[in-house]
Amino acid sequence: MPRRSAAGSAFLALLRLAVACALWLGGVAAWIVHVGGRDEAVGVRADAIVVLGAAAYDARPSPVFTERIRHGLALYRDGHAPRLIFTGGYGFGARFSESQVARRYALREGVPADAILIETLSRTTQENLVQARALMLEHDLRRVIVVSDPLHMARALRLSRALGIDAVGSPTPSTRFRTARTQWTFLAREVYFFHRDLVIPPR
């Protein structure tokens, strides 16, 4: 009897732990979805709009990057900020950096060259924001609107705060991650990064 009782207690403890973990992970996922569903740029005037990098195919932005660029341009045209900061470095074997591809796109859309700043060194979200911060300091830009995909927005804003960037988020109104599988994969990845950043804080 005592042996069974001990085994039963251990099972209940493991069950409680599993339920607690599931509730925690569900809460983190719900928070990521919540942040990605709100546009903090409504009524906001900033110094610049930071468009986070994504894949580019030679001189053409990927569908995901195109959505980000378009949204950044829409915010610029609506008068939310007088400057655009495009981020993103060179992919493997690429002729152009992601930010150069975005700049070309914006120029073709009629944005004046002196309204665009780019960096070409970053390869990750954190590096995107580190390089954007350097441009902000160089050009005395204090407040920015960060543009990315809805499910990416929570991490982008969390990293911005950790880096001392005064930022509000404006997620793209649509996403290229349309299927349930791609959305769940993206969300699972963001839940992972949330916990990784707790263990290894960005700097």
Protein backbone atom coordinates (compact mmCIF):
# COMPACT_ATOMS: atom_id res chain seq x y z
CA MET A 1 0.00 0.00 0.00
CA PRO A 2 2.61 2.60 0.93
CA ARG A 3 4.43 1.86 -2.30
CA ARG A 4 1.26 2.42 -4.35
CA SER A 5 0.47 5.56 -2.43
CA ALA A 6 3.94 6.96 -3.12
CA ALA A 7 3.60 6.12 -6.81
CA GLY A 8 0.17 7.72 -6.91
CA SER A 9 1.47 10.87 -5.24
CA ALA A 10 4.33 11.09 -7.72
CA PHE A 11 1.89 10.68 -10.61
CA LEU A 12 -0.37 13.43 -9.26
CA ALA A 13 2.62 15.73 -8.79
CA LEU A 14 3.74 15.10 -12.38
CA LEU A 15 0.19 15.65 -13.61
CA ARG A 16 -0.05 18.97 -11.77
CA LEU A 17 3.32 20.01 -13.18
CA ALA A 18 2.22 19.08 -16.72
CA VAL A 19 -1.02 21.05 -16.34
CA ALA A 20 0.85 24.05 -14.93
CA CYS A 21 3.34 23.95 -17.83
CA ALA A 22 0.53 23.67 -20.36
CA LEU A 23 -1.28 26.64 -18.80
CA TRP A 24 1.92 28.69 -18.75
CA LEU A 25 2.76 27.93 -22.38
CA GLY A 26 -0.82 28.64 -23.39
CA GLY A 27 -0.67 31.97 -21.56
CA VAL A 28 2.58 32.95 -23.27
CA ALA A 29 1.14 32.02 -26.68
CA ALA A 30 -2.05 33.99 -25.96
CA TRP A 31 0.02 37.03 -24.96
CA ILE A 32 2.04 36.83 -28.19
CA VAL A 33 -1.17 36.65 -30.23
CA HIS A 34 -2.66 39.56 -28.23
CA VAL A 35 0.33 41.83 -28.79
CA GLY A 36 0.36 40.99 -32.48
CA GLY A 37 -3.30 41.91 -32.78
CA ARG A 38 -2.99 45.50 -31.64
CA ASP A 39 -1.66 48.47 -33.58
CA GLU A 40 -0.01 50.91 -31.18
CA ALA A 41 0.82 53.38 -33.96
CA VAL A 42 -2.74 54.74 -34.19
CA GLY A 43 -2.50 58.46 -33.52
CA VAL A 44 1.24 58.23 -32.85
CA ARG A 45 3.85 60.54 -34.35
CA ALA A 46 7.37 59.13 -34.26
CA ASP A 47 10.79 60.06 -35.57
CA ALA A 48 11.16 56.99 -37.76
CA ILE A 49 9.57 53.74 -38.85
CA VAL A 50 11.79 50.69 -38.39
CA VAL A 51 10.98 47.87 -40.82
CA LEU A 52 12.52 44.63 -39.61
CA GLY A 53 14.30 42.56 -42.22
CA ALA A 54 13.13 39.32 -43.78
CA ALA A 55 14.29 37.15 -46.66
CA ALA A 56 15.00 38.61 -50.07
CA TYR A 57 15.55 36.75 -53.32
CA ASP A 58 18.34 38.60 -55.08
CA ALA A 59 16.78 42.03 -55.76
CA ARG A 60 13.23 40.96 -54.90
CA PRO A 61 11.76 40.91 -51.38
CA SER A 62 10.11 37.72 -50.22
CA PRO A 63 6.32 37.82 -49.74
CA VAL A 64 6.84 38.21 -45.97
CA PHE A 65 9.28 41.09 -46.45
CA THR A 66 7.02 42.69 -49.06
CA GLU A 67 4.19 42.85 -46.51
CA ARG A 68 6.48 44.56 -44.01
CA ILE A 69 7.79 47.06 -46.55
CA ARG A 70 4.30 47.93 -47.77
CA HIS A 71 3.06 48.51 -44.25
CA GLY A 72 6.07 50.68 -43.45
CA LEU A 73 5.37 52.74 -46.57
CA ALA A 74 1.71 53.09 -45.61
CA LEU A 75 2.67 54.43 -42.19
CA TYR A 76 5.15 56.83 -43.81
CA ARG A 77 2.55 58.12 -46.27
CA ASP A 78 0.04 58.58 -43.47
CA GLY A 79 2.48 60.93 -41.78
CA HIS A 80 3.42 58.82 -38.77
CA ALA A 81 7.13 59.54 -39.23
CA PRO A 82 9.39 61.41 -41.69
CA ARG A 83 12.03 58.66 -41.89
CA LEU A 84 12.13 54.97 -42.78
CA ILE A 85 14.80 52.65 -41.37
CA PHE A 86 15.15 49.39 -43.29
CA THR A 87 17.12 46.64 -41.60
CA GLY A 88 18.63 43.36 -42.76
CA GLY A 89 22.00 42.23 -44.00
CA TYR A 90 23.19 39.85 -46.68
CA GLY A 91 21.87 36.31 -47.00
CA PHE A 92 24.24 33.54 -48.06
CA GLY A 93 25.62 34.38 -51.50
CA ALA A 94 23.27 37.36 -51.94
CA ARG A 95 24.21 40.28 -54.16
CA PHE A 96 22.03 42.70 -52.19
CA SER A 97 21.28 43.04 -48.49
CA GLU A 98 17.67 42.85 -47.36
CA SER A 99 17.74 46.54 -46.48
CA GLN A 100 19.07 47.47 -49.93
CA VAL A 101 16.22 45.51 -51.52
CA ALA A 102 13.73 47.36 -49.32
CA ARG A 103 15.31 50.70 -50.18
CA ARG A 104 15.02 50.00 -53.92
CA TYR A 105 11.37 49.08 -53.42
CA ALA A 106 10.67 52.31 -51.51
CA LEU A 107 12.47 54.46 -54.09
CA ARG A 108 10.36 52.94 -56.87
CA GLU A 109 7.30 53.84 -54.80
CA GLY A 110 8.34 57.50 -54.77
CA VAL A 111 9.91 57.79 -51.32
CA PRO A 112 12.76 60.34 -51.45
CA ALA A 113 16.23 58.95 -50.87
CA ASP A 114 16.92 61.31 -47.97
CA ALA A 115 13.96 59.85 -46.06
CA ILE A 116 15.50 56.35 -46.04
CA LEU A 117 18.18 54.95 -43.74
CA ILE A 118 19.55 51.42 -44.02
CA GLU A 119 22.00 49.10 -42.31
CA THR A 120 23.51 46.05 -43.97
CA LEU A 121 25.13 44.13 -41.10
CA SER A 122 22.32 42.37 -39.24
CA ARG A 123 21.20 38.77 -39.61
CA THR A 124 18.79 38.35 -36.66
CA THR A 125 15.94 40.30 -35.08
CA GLN A 126 18.15 41.42 -32.22
CA GLU A 127 20.86 42.53 -34.64
CA ASN A 128 18.21 44.35 -36.72
CA LEU A 129 17.32 46.41 -33.66
CA VAL A 130 20.91 46.93 -32.49
CA GLN A 131 21.80 48.37 -35.90
CA ALA A 132 18.58 50.42 -35.99
CA ARG A 133 19.50 51.86 -32.59
CA ALA A 134 22.92 52.87 -33.94
CA LEU A 135 21.24 54.73 -36.81
CA MET A 136 18.84 56.36 -34.36
CA LEU A 137 21.71 57.64 -32.24
CA GLU A 138 23.62 58.83 -35.30
CA HIS A 139 20.64 60.82 -36.62
CA ASP A 140 19.17 61.91 -33.27
CA LEU A 141 15.98 59.87 -33.69
CA ARG A 142 14.27 59.17 -30.40
CA ARG A 143 10.95 57.39 -30.94
CA VAL A 144 10.19 54.76 -33.56
CA ILE A 145 7.38 52.59 -34.83
CA VAL A 146 8.50 49.00 -35.32
CA VAL A 147 6.96 47.05 -38.21
CA SER A 148 6.91 43.27 -38.40
CA ASP A 149 4.53 40.32 -38.65
CA PRO A 150 1.82 40.02 -35.98
CA LEU A 151 3.28 36.94 -34.29
CA HIS A 152 6.76 38.48 -34.36
CA MET A 153 5.71 41.76 -32.75
CA ALA A 154 5.87 40.70 -29.09
CA ARG A 155 9.51 39.65 -29.44
CA ALA A 156 10.41 42.75 -31.44
CA LEU A 157 8.99 45.05 -28.77
CA ARG A 158 10.54 43.03 -25.94
CA LEU A 159 13.95 43.30 -27.58
CA SER A 160 13.41 47.01 -28.25
CA ARG A 161 12.76 47.64 -24.56
CA ALA A 162 15.81 45.60 -23.56
CA LEU A 163 17.94 47.70 -25.91
CA GLY A 164 16.55 50.98 -24.58
CA ILE A 165 14.63 51.84 -27.76
CA ASP A 166 11.48 53.94 -27.31
CA ALA A 167 9.23 51.96 -29.63
CA VAL A 168 5.60 51.18 -30.37
CA GLY A 169 4.55 48.30 -32.57
CA SER A 170 2.54 48.29 -35.77
CA PRO A 171 2.09 44.74 -37.09
CA THR A 172 1.35 44.12 -40.73
CA PRO A 173 -2.42 44.00 -41.27
CA SER A 174 -2.03 40.73 -43.14
CA THR A 175 0.50 37.95 -42.92
CA ARG A 176 2.00 35.59 -45.46
CA PHE A 177 1.93 32.86 -42.84
CA ARG A 178 -1.62 31.93 -43.83
CA THR A 179 -1.98 28.21 -43.30
CA ALA A 180 -2.66 26.78 -39.87
CA ARG A 181 0.58 24.82 -40.05
CA THR A 182 2.79 27.84 -40.81
CA GLN A 183 1.05 29.97 -38.17
CA TRP A 184 1.41 27.30 -35.49
CA THR A 185 5.06 26.78 -36.43
CA PHE A 186 5.72 30.52 -36.23
CA LEU A 187 3.90 30.76 -32.90
CA ALA A 188 5.78 27.80 -31.44
CA ARG A 189 9.06 29.40 -32.48
CA GLU A 190 8.11 32.68 -30.80
CA VAL A 191 7.15 30.86 -27.60
CA TYR A 192 10.61 29.25 -27.67
CA PHE A 193 12.34 32.62 -28.17
CA PHE A 194 10.33 34.09 -25.28
CA HIS A 195 11.83 31.51 -22.93
CA ARG A 196 15.29 31.69 -24.47
CA ASP A 197 15.36 35.44 -23.82
CA LEU A 198 14.49 34.78 -20.17
CA VAL A 199 17.55 32.54 -19.86
CA ILE A 200 19.85 34.63 -22.09
CA PRO A 201 18.69 38.25 -21.81
CA PRO A 202 19.32 40.38 -24.91
CA ARG A 203 21.94 43.07 -24.63
